[in-house]
Amino acid sequence: MAPQGCRDRALREDVGVIPSHGEGCLLRTVRLSRGINVSMQDFTIYGNGIARLVRDETSLPLISFYTCLSGVTRISAIRSRGLPRPRLSDAELAGYNPAGSMEIIRNRRVKIFTVSLEPAHFIRISGQTRHDLLETLERIEFNLGRKNGPHPLESIEFSARLVAGQAIGVTPRTFEDRLFLESKALEFLSLHLRQLKHLAGSSAQKVPGAIPLDKIKKACDILKCEMADPPGAKELARRVGMNHNQLVEGFRSQLGILPFEYLRTLRLESARNLLASQQFNVTQTALHVGFSSLSHFTKSFKEKFGITPKAWAVTTR
């Protein structure tokens, strides 16, 4: 999806919003190795009511997977998707363009994350051809129109949104940044392919009944809101209506990490964004996100991003 006026530059590096119309990044595309392009939209349009972004009409020879994280009310489809709710994640490629336009809320942050590959690179990474993918998508169209057809797995949707949220704020200034972004792009791609396989009816995977996904989501929200002074694992489990073992197993099965690892990631990524925005100095940032030790914060930050917090703050000025 691309706004009108940007159709001739769907792969340019960075397009900002006209200051009088809004703020943020209308489109940023990063070219990574393995033939992967990551596109990020993170912007706000000023004014009242709903605005519409129209899909790029040019037929670029790319296979793309996208997820809308916020600010999108619905996606208008060229043809019926067979779903009872708007589809905020999908695939697009030449010959399969389900979406016509998307409606966004003015004065609300719009965040959209997209991973695109050229067909040859998609074959090399996934083992599928463009025609295989088209066949899968058309089979999904049929399945979604059936009364008892498979529906999206919430666990995969949740994980894809988490990965997109981790990647969308990253500006690759160093090798470590690009490596991090590439790993998130591949993880995002694998989650979408797993979802497509399930929806096409070619996967024996079932919706997990033992893990209450809504409670894991609630736990994540609590940690995000209270990262500076978070509850302990047992208290967190109690607040979401689980025991400690269920909480740990839920995080492990849904996100692939433990609760304290998720909290650490939240803190470091929040710190990175705060330093880039120059709201706080390094010490203030460490305390704001919940690190009581500056040395521990510096060590953890460098381990994750390959650069010290002080050096990162300098490079973003």
Foldseek 3Di string as FASTA:
>chain_A
DAAPPCLVPQADAWDFDDVVFWGDTRWHWDQAPLQKIKIKGKIAGADADKDKGFDRPDQDQKKKKKAKQDFWQAFAFPDDQLDPGHDRIDIDHVPDDGTGMIIGGHPIITIMIMMMGHQVSCCVLPVDGPVRVVVLVVLLSVQSNDPPRDDFQVLLVVQLSVLSVLQNPQDPPDPLSSVSNVVSSSVNVVSVVVRSCVSSVNDPDDRDPLQDVVLLVVLLVQLLVQQQPGDDQQVSQVVSVHGSVSNQVNCCVRHVDGPVVSSLSSLLSQLLVCLLVVPDAQVVSCNVRHHPDSVVSQVSNCVNRVDGSNVSSVVND
